[in-house]
N, C-alpha and C. Protein backbone atom coordinates (compact mmCIF):
# COMPACT_ATOMS: atom_id res chain seq x y z
N UNK A 1 205.62 81.76 66.42
CA UNK A 1 204.69 82.77 65.95
C UNK A 1 204.88 84.04 66.77
N UNK A 2 204.94 85.14 66.09
CA UNK A 2 205.06 86.43 66.76
C UNK A 2 203.68 86.87 67.21
N UNK A 3 203.39 86.77 68.52
CA UNK A 3 202.08 87.15 69.02
C UNK A 3 202.00 88.63 69.33
N UNK A 4 203.07 89.36 69.13
CA UNK A 4 203.05 90.81 69.33
C UNK A 4 202.74 91.52 68.03
N UNK A 5 201.91 90.93 67.25
CA UNK A 5 201.50 91.51 65.98
C UNK A 5 200.00 91.32 65.83
N UNK A 6 199.35 92.28 65.20
CA UNK A 6 197.94 92.11 64.92
C UNK A 6 197.73 91.12 63.78
N UNK A 7 198.78 90.83 63.02
CA UNK A 7 198.71 89.88 61.92
C UNK A 7 199.97 89.03 61.91
N UNK A 8 200.06 88.06 62.84
CA UNK A 8 201.25 87.21 62.87
C UNK A 8 201.34 86.31 61.63
N UNK A 9 202.45 85.62 61.50
CA UNK A 9 202.76 84.84 60.30
C UNK A 9 201.65 83.90 59.87
N UNK A 10 201.06 83.19 60.80
CA UNK A 10 200.01 82.22 60.44
C UNK A 10 198.83 82.92 59.78
N UNK A 11 198.38 84.00 60.38
CA UNK A 11 197.26 84.73 59.80
C UNK A 11 197.65 85.41 58.49
N UNK A 12 198.87 85.91 58.41
CA UNK A 12 199.32 86.50 57.16
C UNK A 12 199.32 85.46 56.05
N UNK A 13 199.78 84.25 56.37
CA UNK A 13 199.79 83.19 55.37
C UNK A 13 198.39 82.89 54.86
N UNK A 14 197.41 82.85 55.78
CA UNK A 14 196.03 82.57 55.38
C UNK A 14 195.43 83.73 54.59
N UNK A 15 195.51 84.95 55.16
CA UNK A 15 194.81 86.10 54.58
C UNK A 15 195.62 86.87 53.55
N UNK A 16 196.93 86.74 53.58
CA UNK A 16 197.76 87.49 52.65
C UNK A 16 198.32 86.66 51.51
N UNK A 17 198.26 85.32 51.65
CA UNK A 17 198.83 84.46 50.61
C UNK A 17 197.79 83.46 50.10
N UNK A 18 197.30 82.59 50.99
CA UNK A 18 196.41 81.50 50.55
C UNK A 18 195.10 82.02 49.98
N UNK A 19 194.39 82.86 50.75
CA UNK A 19 193.09 83.33 50.26
C UNK A 19 193.21 84.16 48.98
N UNK A 20 194.13 85.12 48.89
CA UNK A 20 194.26 85.84 47.62
C UNK A 20 194.64 84.92 46.44
N UNK A 21 195.46 83.91 46.71
CA UNK A 21 195.82 82.96 45.65
C UNK A 21 194.59 82.19 45.19
N UNK A 22 193.76 81.74 46.14
CA UNK A 22 192.53 81.02 45.77
C UNK A 22 191.59 81.92 44.97
N UNK A 23 191.48 83.19 45.37
CA UNK A 23 190.62 84.12 44.63
C UNK A 23 191.18 84.38 43.22
N UNK A 24 192.49 84.50 43.10
CA UNK A 24 193.08 84.69 41.78
C UNK A 24 192.86 83.46 40.91
N UNK A 25 192.94 82.27 41.52
CA UNK A 25 192.65 81.05 40.76
C UNK A 25 191.19 81.00 40.34
N UNK A 26 190.29 81.50 41.20
CA UNK A 26 188.88 81.60 40.81
C UNK A 26 188.72 82.50 39.61
N UNK A 27 189.40 83.63 39.60
CA UNK A 27 189.39 84.54 38.46
C UNK A 27 189.85 83.82 37.20
N UNK A 28 190.99 83.13 37.29
CA UNK A 28 191.52 82.43 36.12
C UNK A 28 190.58 81.34 35.64
N UNK A 29 189.93 80.65 36.58
CA UNK A 29 188.98 79.61 36.21
C UNK A 29 187.81 80.18 35.43
N UNK A 30 187.25 81.28 35.91
CA UNK A 30 186.13 81.91 35.20
C UNK A 30 186.55 82.41 33.83
N UNK A 31 187.77 82.91 33.71
CA UNK A 31 188.23 83.43 32.42
C UNK A 31 188.58 82.31 31.45
N UNK A 32 189.23 81.27 31.96
CA UNK A 32 189.73 80.19 31.11
C UNK A 32 188.63 79.20 30.71
N UNK A 33 187.74 78.88 31.64
CA UNK A 33 186.74 77.83 31.40
C UNK A 33 185.36 78.27 31.88
N UNK A 34 184.78 79.29 31.24
CA UNK A 34 183.51 79.82 31.74
C UNK A 34 182.34 78.83 31.68
N UNK A 35 182.31 77.96 30.68
CA UNK A 35 181.19 77.01 30.57
C UNK A 35 181.16 76.06 31.76
N UNK A 36 182.29 75.46 32.07
CA UNK A 36 182.33 74.53 33.21
C UNK A 36 182.19 75.27 34.53
N UNK A 37 182.74 76.47 34.61
CA UNK A 37 182.57 77.27 35.82
C UNK A 37 181.09 77.56 36.05
N UNK A 38 180.39 77.88 34.99
CA UNK A 38 178.96 78.14 35.07
C UNK A 38 178.21 76.88 35.51
N UNK A 39 178.52 75.76 34.87
CA UNK A 39 177.83 74.50 35.18
C UNK A 39 178.11 74.04 36.60
N UNK A 40 179.30 74.30 37.11
CA UNK A 40 179.67 73.86 38.45
C UNK A 40 178.99 74.65 39.57
N UNK A 41 178.26 75.68 39.21
CA UNK A 41 177.54 76.45 40.23
C UNK A 41 176.25 75.76 40.64
N UNK A 42 175.86 74.71 39.94
CA UNK A 42 174.57 74.05 40.20
C UNK A 42 174.78 72.60 40.63
N UNK A 43 173.81 72.09 41.35
CA UNK A 43 173.74 70.67 41.72
C UNK A 43 172.34 70.17 41.40
N UNK A 44 172.18 68.97 40.97
CA UNK A 44 173.25 68.10 40.46
C UNK A 44 173.81 68.66 39.16
N UNK A 45 175.00 68.21 38.82
CA UNK A 45 175.63 68.69 37.60
C UNK A 45 174.75 68.33 36.41
N UNK A 46 174.53 69.28 35.57
CA UNK A 46 173.65 69.07 34.42
C UNK A 46 174.44 69.26 33.13
N UNK A 47 174.46 68.22 32.27
CA UNK A 47 175.17 68.36 30.99
C UNK A 47 174.62 69.51 30.15
N UNK A 48 173.33 69.84 30.31
CA UNK A 48 172.75 70.92 29.51
C UNK A 48 173.36 72.28 29.86
N UNK A 49 173.90 72.42 31.07
CA UNK A 49 174.53 73.68 31.45
C UNK A 49 175.90 73.88 30.79
N UNK A 50 176.46 72.79 30.25
CA UNK A 50 177.79 72.89 29.63
C UNK A 50 177.70 73.26 28.14
N UNK A 51 176.51 73.32 27.60
CA UNK A 51 176.33 73.75 26.21
C UNK A 51 176.52 75.25 26.14
N UNK A 52 176.51 75.80 24.95
CA UNK A 52 176.71 77.26 24.86
C UNK A 52 175.80 78.02 25.82
N UNK A 53 176.40 78.95 26.51
CA UNK A 53 175.63 79.73 27.48
C UNK A 53 175.36 81.12 26.92
N UNK A 54 174.36 81.73 27.47
CA UNK A 54 173.91 83.05 27.02
C UNK A 54 175.02 84.07 27.24
N UNK A 55 175.17 85.04 26.32
CA UNK A 55 176.20 86.07 26.50
C UNK A 55 176.09 86.81 27.83
N UNK A 56 174.88 86.98 28.35
CA UNK A 56 174.73 87.66 29.65
C UNK A 56 175.37 86.83 30.76
N UNK A 57 175.33 85.50 30.63
CA UNK A 57 175.98 84.65 31.63
C UNK A 57 177.49 84.81 31.57
N UNK A 58 178.03 84.95 30.35
CA UNK A 58 179.47 85.22 30.22
C UNK A 58 179.84 86.52 30.91
N UNK A 59 179.06 87.54 30.67
CA UNK A 59 179.33 88.84 31.28
C UNK A 59 179.31 88.71 32.80
N UNK A 60 178.29 88.04 33.34
CA UNK A 60 178.19 87.86 34.79
C UNK A 60 179.37 87.08 35.34
N UNK A 61 179.77 86.01 34.64
CA UNK A 61 180.93 85.22 35.09
C UNK A 61 182.22 86.04 35.05
N UNK A 62 182.41 86.79 33.98
CA UNK A 62 183.63 87.60 33.88
C UNK A 62 183.64 88.69 34.94
N UNK A 63 182.48 89.27 35.23
CA UNK A 63 182.40 90.27 36.28
C UNK A 63 182.69 89.64 37.65
N UNK A 64 182.14 88.45 37.89
CA UNK A 64 182.41 87.75 39.14
C UNK A 64 183.90 87.44 39.26
N UNK A 65 184.49 86.94 38.18
CA UNK A 65 185.92 86.67 38.19
C UNK A 65 186.73 87.92 38.46
N UNK A 66 186.33 89.02 37.86
CA UNK A 66 187.02 90.28 38.08
C UNK A 66 186.91 90.71 39.54
N UNK A 67 185.76 90.52 40.16
CA UNK A 67 185.59 90.86 41.58
C UNK A 67 186.48 89.97 42.45
N UNK A 68 186.62 88.70 42.08
CA UNK A 68 187.54 87.82 42.81
C UNK A 68 188.96 88.39 42.75
N UNK A 69 189.38 88.78 41.55
CA UNK A 69 190.73 89.31 41.39
C UNK A 69 190.90 90.61 42.16
N UNK A 70 189.93 91.48 42.10
CA UNK A 70 189.99 92.74 42.82
C UNK A 70 190.08 92.50 44.33
N UNK A 71 189.24 91.60 44.86
CA UNK A 71 189.29 91.27 46.28
C UNK A 71 190.64 90.66 46.66
N UNK A 72 191.19 89.82 45.79
CA UNK A 72 192.50 89.22 46.05
C UNK A 72 193.58 90.29 46.15
N UNK A 73 193.55 91.24 45.24
CA UNK A 73 194.56 92.31 45.25
C UNK A 73 194.44 93.19 46.49
N UNK A 74 193.21 93.53 46.87
CA UNK A 74 193.00 94.36 48.06
C UNK A 74 193.48 93.61 49.30
N UNK A 75 193.05 92.37 49.46
CA UNK A 75 193.42 91.62 50.66
C UNK A 75 194.93 91.38 50.74
N UNK A 76 195.53 90.99 49.63
CA UNK A 76 196.97 90.73 49.63
C UNK A 76 197.77 92.00 49.91
N UNK A 77 197.37 93.11 49.32
CA UNK A 77 198.15 94.34 49.51
C UNK A 77 198.01 94.89 50.93
N UNK A 78 196.80 94.87 51.48
CA UNK A 78 196.63 95.37 52.86
C UNK A 78 197.33 94.43 53.85
N UNK A 79 197.16 93.12 53.67
CA UNK A 79 197.83 92.17 54.57
C UNK A 79 199.35 92.32 54.48
N UNK A 80 199.87 92.50 53.27
CA UNK A 80 201.31 92.68 53.12
C UNK A 80 201.77 93.97 53.78
N UNK A 81 201.00 95.03 53.62
CA UNK A 81 201.35 96.30 54.25
C UNK A 81 201.45 96.15 55.76
N UNK A 82 200.46 95.49 56.37
CA UNK A 82 200.46 95.30 57.83
C UNK A 82 201.62 94.40 58.24
N UNK A 83 201.75 93.27 57.57
CA UNK A 83 202.77 92.28 57.93
C UNK A 83 204.18 92.81 57.71
N UNK A 84 204.40 93.52 56.62
CA UNK A 84 205.75 93.97 56.30
C UNK A 84 206.25 95.02 57.29
N UNK A 85 205.36 95.63 58.03
CA UNK A 85 205.77 96.64 59.00
C UNK A 85 206.44 96.03 60.22
N UNK A 86 206.38 94.70 60.36
CA UNK A 86 207.02 94.06 61.50
C UNK A 86 208.19 93.17 61.09
N UNK A 87 208.57 93.21 59.84
CA UNK A 87 209.71 92.39 59.42
C UNK A 87 211.00 93.19 59.56
N UNK A 88 212.11 92.50 59.80
CA UNK A 88 213.39 93.19 59.98
C UNK A 88 213.83 93.98 58.76
N UNK A 89 213.28 93.70 57.60
CA UNK A 89 213.68 94.40 56.37
C UNK A 89 213.46 95.90 56.51
N UNK A 90 212.45 96.30 57.25
CA UNK A 90 212.12 97.71 57.38
C UNK A 90 213.03 98.45 58.37
N UNK A 91 213.83 97.73 59.09
CA UNK A 91 214.74 98.37 60.03
C UNK A 91 214.19 98.40 61.43
N UNK A 92 215.09 98.49 62.38
CA UNK A 92 214.71 98.41 63.79
C UNK A 92 213.84 99.59 64.23
N UNK A 93 214.12 100.78 63.75
CA UNK A 93 213.33 101.95 64.17
C UNK A 93 211.89 101.85 63.68
N UNK A 94 211.72 101.45 62.43
CA UNK A 94 210.37 101.29 61.88
C UNK A 94 209.62 100.18 62.63
N UNK A 95 210.34 99.11 62.93
CA UNK A 95 209.73 98.00 63.65
C UNK A 95 209.26 98.46 65.03
N UNK A 96 210.09 99.19 65.73
CA UNK A 96 209.71 99.68 67.06
C UNK A 96 208.56 100.67 66.98
N UNK A 97 208.59 101.52 65.99
CA UNK A 97 207.50 102.48 65.81
C UNK A 97 206.17 101.77 65.57
N UNK A 98 206.18 100.74 64.75
CA UNK A 98 204.94 100.02 64.46
C UNK A 98 204.45 99.23 65.68
N UNK A 99 205.35 98.78 66.51
CA UNK A 99 204.91 98.09 67.72
C UNK A 99 204.13 99.03 68.62
N UNK A 100 204.50 100.30 68.61
CA UNK A 100 203.74 101.28 69.40
C UNK A 100 202.38 101.56 68.77
N UNK A 101 202.24 101.24 67.52
CA UNK A 101 201.00 101.52 66.81
C UNK A 101 200.18 100.24 66.55
N UNK A 102 200.31 99.25 67.41
CA UNK A 102 199.59 97.99 67.21
C UNK A 102 198.07 98.17 67.21
N UNK A 103 197.58 99.11 67.96
CA UNK A 103 196.13 99.33 67.97
C UNK A 103 195.66 99.80 66.60
N UNK A 104 196.42 100.69 65.99
CA UNK A 104 196.09 101.12 64.63
C UNK A 104 196.18 99.95 63.65
N UNK A 105 197.21 99.15 63.81
CA UNK A 105 197.39 97.97 62.97
C UNK A 105 196.22 97.01 63.14
N UNK A 106 195.79 96.82 64.37
CA UNK A 106 194.67 95.92 64.65
C UNK A 106 193.38 96.46 64.03
N UNK A 107 193.17 97.76 64.11
CA UNK A 107 192.00 98.37 63.49
C UNK A 107 192.01 98.19 61.98
N UNK A 108 193.18 98.28 61.38
CA UNK A 108 193.31 98.07 59.93
C UNK A 108 192.97 96.62 59.58
N UNK A 109 193.45 95.68 60.39
CA UNK A 109 193.11 94.27 60.16
C UNK A 109 191.60 94.05 60.27
N UNK A 110 191.01 94.65 61.29
CA UNK A 110 189.56 94.53 61.47
C UNK A 110 188.82 95.08 60.27
N UNK A 111 189.24 96.25 59.80
CA UNK A 111 188.60 96.88 58.64
C UNK A 111 188.74 96.00 57.40
N UNK A 112 189.81 95.25 57.30
CA UNK A 112 190.00 94.33 56.19
C UNK A 112 189.15 93.07 56.34
N UNK A 113 189.14 92.51 57.54
CA UNK A 113 188.53 91.19 57.73
C UNK A 113 187.01 91.21 57.92
N UNK A 114 186.45 92.29 58.44
CA UNK A 114 184.99 92.32 58.65
C UNK A 114 184.23 92.17 57.34
N UNK A 115 184.55 92.92 56.29
CA UNK A 115 183.80 92.71 55.03
C UNK A 115 183.94 91.29 54.48
N UNK A 116 185.12 90.71 54.63
CA UNK A 116 185.31 89.34 54.16
C UNK A 116 184.52 88.35 55.02
N UNK A 117 184.40 88.62 56.32
CA UNK A 117 183.59 87.75 57.19
C UNK A 117 182.11 87.82 56.79
N UNK A 118 181.63 89.02 56.49
CA UNK A 118 180.25 89.18 56.01
C UNK A 118 180.10 88.44 54.68
N UNK A 119 181.11 88.55 53.83
CA UNK A 119 181.09 87.85 52.55
C UNK A 119 181.07 86.34 52.70
N UNK A 120 181.77 85.81 53.71
CA UNK A 120 181.75 84.36 53.97
C UNK A 120 180.32 83.91 54.27
N UNK A 121 179.67 84.63 55.16
CA UNK A 121 178.31 84.28 55.55
C UNK A 121 177.38 84.40 54.34
N UNK A 122 177.54 85.49 53.59
CA UNK A 122 176.71 85.69 52.40
C UNK A 122 176.91 84.61 51.35
N UNK A 123 178.15 84.21 51.11
CA UNK A 123 178.43 83.19 50.10
C UNK A 123 177.77 81.86 50.45
N UNK A 124 177.91 81.46 51.70
CA UNK A 124 177.29 80.20 52.13
C UNK A 124 175.76 80.32 52.09
N UNK A 125 175.22 81.43 52.57
CA UNK A 125 173.76 81.61 52.59
C UNK A 125 173.19 81.62 51.18
N UNK A 126 173.84 82.30 50.26
CA UNK A 126 173.35 82.35 48.87
C UNK A 126 173.37 80.97 48.25
N UNK A 127 174.44 80.20 48.49
CA UNK A 127 174.51 78.84 47.96
C UNK A 127 173.42 77.96 48.55
N UNK A 128 173.24 78.04 49.85
CA UNK A 128 172.19 77.23 50.48
C UNK A 128 170.82 77.60 49.92
N UNK A 129 170.56 78.88 49.78
CA UNK A 129 169.27 79.34 49.27
C UNK A 129 169.06 78.91 47.82
N UNK A 130 170.07 79.14 46.97
CA UNK A 130 169.93 78.85 45.54
C UNK A 130 169.84 77.35 45.26
N UNK A 131 170.60 76.56 45.99
CA UNK A 131 170.62 75.13 45.71
C UNK A 131 169.54 74.36 46.46
N UNK A 132 169.02 74.94 47.52
CA UNK A 132 167.98 74.27 48.30
C UNK A 132 168.56 73.38 49.38
N UNK A 133 167.88 73.33 50.50
CA UNK A 133 168.37 72.59 51.66
C UNK A 133 168.54 71.10 51.36
N UNK A 134 167.62 70.52 50.61
CA UNK A 134 167.72 69.09 50.29
C UNK A 134 168.97 68.76 49.50
N UNK A 135 169.33 69.62 48.58
CA UNK A 135 170.53 69.41 47.78
C UNK A 135 171.78 69.62 48.62
N UNK A 136 171.78 70.62 49.46
CA UNK A 136 172.94 70.93 50.29
C UNK A 136 173.22 69.80 51.29
N UNK A 137 172.18 69.12 51.76
CA UNK A 137 172.38 68.05 52.74
C UNK A 137 173.15 66.86 52.19
N UNK A 138 173.13 66.65 50.88
CA UNK A 138 173.85 65.53 50.26
C UNK A 138 175.29 65.95 49.94
N UNK A 139 176.10 66.02 50.97
CA UNK A 139 177.47 66.53 50.84
C UNK A 139 178.28 65.70 49.85
N UNK A 140 178.06 64.42 49.81
CA UNK A 140 178.87 63.58 48.90
C UNK A 140 178.55 63.85 47.43
N UNK A 141 177.45 64.54 47.14
CA UNK A 141 177.10 64.89 45.77
C UNK A 141 177.62 66.27 45.36
N UNK A 142 178.27 66.96 46.26
CA UNK A 142 178.76 68.31 45.95
C UNK A 142 179.83 68.22 44.86
N UNK A 143 179.83 69.20 43.98
CA UNK A 143 180.86 69.28 42.95
C UNK A 143 181.91 70.31 43.38
N UNK A 144 182.88 70.52 42.52
CA UNK A 144 183.98 71.42 42.86
C UNK A 144 183.50 72.85 43.11
N UNK A 145 182.49 73.28 42.39
CA UNK A 145 181.98 74.64 42.57
C UNK A 145 181.37 74.85 43.95
N UNK A 146 180.58 73.88 44.40
CA UNK A 146 179.95 74.00 45.71
C UNK A 146 180.98 73.84 46.82
N UNK A 147 181.89 72.88 46.65
CA UNK A 147 182.94 72.71 47.66
C UNK A 147 183.79 73.96 47.79
N UNK A 148 184.14 74.55 46.67
CA UNK A 148 185.00 75.72 46.75
C UNK A 148 184.29 76.88 47.41
N UNK A 149 183.00 77.04 47.13
CA UNK A 149 182.28 78.18 47.71
C UNK A 149 181.92 77.92 49.18
N UNK A 150 181.29 76.80 49.46
CA UNK A 150 180.82 76.52 50.82
C UNK A 150 181.97 76.06 51.71
N UNK A 151 182.75 75.10 51.23
CA UNK A 151 183.84 74.55 52.05
C UNK A 151 184.93 75.56 52.35
N UNK A 152 185.39 76.26 51.32
CA UNK A 152 186.45 77.24 51.54
C UNK A 152 185.95 78.46 52.31
N UNK A 153 184.72 78.90 52.01
CA UNK A 153 184.18 80.05 52.75
C UNK A 153 184.06 79.73 54.23
N UNK A 154 183.61 78.54 54.55
CA UNK A 154 183.48 78.13 55.95
C UNK A 154 184.85 78.04 56.62
N UNK A 155 185.81 77.45 55.94
CA UNK A 155 187.16 77.33 56.51
C UNK A 155 187.79 78.70 56.75
N UNK A 156 187.66 79.58 55.77
CA UNK A 156 188.23 80.92 55.93
C UNK A 156 187.48 81.71 56.99
N UNK A 157 186.16 81.50 57.09
CA UNK A 157 185.39 82.18 58.14
C UNK A 157 185.88 81.76 59.52
N UNK A 158 186.18 80.49 59.69
CA UNK A 158 186.69 80.02 60.99
C UNK A 158 188.03 80.68 61.31
N UNK A 159 188.88 80.86 60.30
CA UNK A 159 190.16 81.55 60.52
C UNK A 159 189.93 83.01 60.90
N UNK A 160 188.97 83.64 60.25
CA UNK A 160 188.66 85.03 60.59
C UNK A 160 188.14 85.14 62.01
N UNK A 161 187.24 84.25 62.39
CA UNK A 161 186.69 84.30 63.75
C UNK A 161 187.77 84.01 64.79
N UNK A 162 188.72 83.15 64.46
CA UNK A 162 189.85 82.92 65.37
C UNK A 162 190.63 84.21 65.55
N UNK A 163 190.82 84.96 64.47
CA UNK A 163 191.50 86.26 64.58
C UNK A 163 190.67 87.22 65.42
N UNK A 164 189.36 87.28 65.17
CA UNK A 164 188.49 88.21 65.91
C UNK A 164 188.52 87.96 67.41
N UNK A 165 188.58 86.70 67.83
CA UNK A 165 188.61 86.42 69.27
C UNK A 165 190.02 86.47 69.84
N UNK A 166 191.03 86.68 69.00
CA UNK A 166 192.37 86.91 69.48
C UNK A 166 193.26 85.70 69.62
N UNK A 167 192.93 84.60 68.98
CA UNK A 167 193.77 83.40 69.10
C UNK A 167 195.11 83.59 68.40
N UNK A 168 196.20 83.43 69.15
CA UNK A 168 197.53 83.46 68.58
C UNK A 168 198.02 84.81 68.09
N UNK A 169 197.49 85.88 68.62
CA UNK A 169 197.93 87.20 68.18
C UNK A 169 197.84 88.19 69.32
N UNK A 170 198.47 89.35 69.11
CA UNK A 170 198.38 90.45 70.06
C UNK A 170 196.98 91.03 69.97
N UNK A 171 196.39 91.37 71.11
CA UNK A 171 195.05 91.98 71.16
C UNK A 171 195.07 93.18 72.07
N UNK A 172 194.40 94.25 71.64
CA UNK A 172 194.19 95.37 72.54
C UNK A 172 193.02 95.03 73.44
N UNK A 173 192.84 95.77 74.51
CA UNK A 173 191.74 95.49 75.42
C UNK A 173 190.39 95.76 74.76
N UNK A 174 190.37 96.57 73.71
CA UNK A 174 189.11 96.86 73.01
C UNK A 174 188.92 96.01 71.77
N UNK A 175 189.72 94.97 71.63
CA UNK A 175 189.72 94.18 70.40
C UNK A 175 188.36 93.62 70.06
N UNK A 176 187.68 93.06 71.01
CA UNK A 176 186.40 92.40 70.72
C UNK A 176 185.27 93.41 70.69
N UNK A 177 185.38 94.47 71.48
CA UNK A 177 184.26 95.41 71.62
C UNK A 177 184.19 96.46 70.54
N UNK A 178 185.24 96.68 69.82
CA UNK A 178 185.17 97.67 68.73
C UNK A 178 186.50 98.36 68.49
N UNK A 179 186.47 99.37 67.65
CA UNK A 179 187.68 100.10 67.30
C UNK A 179 188.06 100.98 68.44
């Protein structure tokens, strides 16, 4: 792993490939199967939610799917921009220039990851609030919708916090305290 980067390969794989892919799959799921996507947002699973849903619910699902796709494109493009600046494809001079600008690179990563970290907390909190603490405590009853929102958000949040504290990457002395 290249630790002289604000976004080494491991973090790039998580934030530039895996997470955008999962968000794009979320978009496709909402577009392809809106009824089941809608029903999977609730626990316990209710067959009545799989019947025709209100047109406003379709609009909300399609808008949510679109936001997933938009977030995937933003995260993938910014992560690629940061990561590609340290690959040999760009040439030795560009690589050396970007190494001198690691603080700027780190600030860009922070600007990308902070909103997603807030979103992780919000996603889990909204699910806990909407489903109720009693329902959330029965983990073995979770469906794919709850697992994808709570489980993936928590996993990705841990990866973000690992980046914030500087695990496995280059850090400036002001990394934790601010820009």
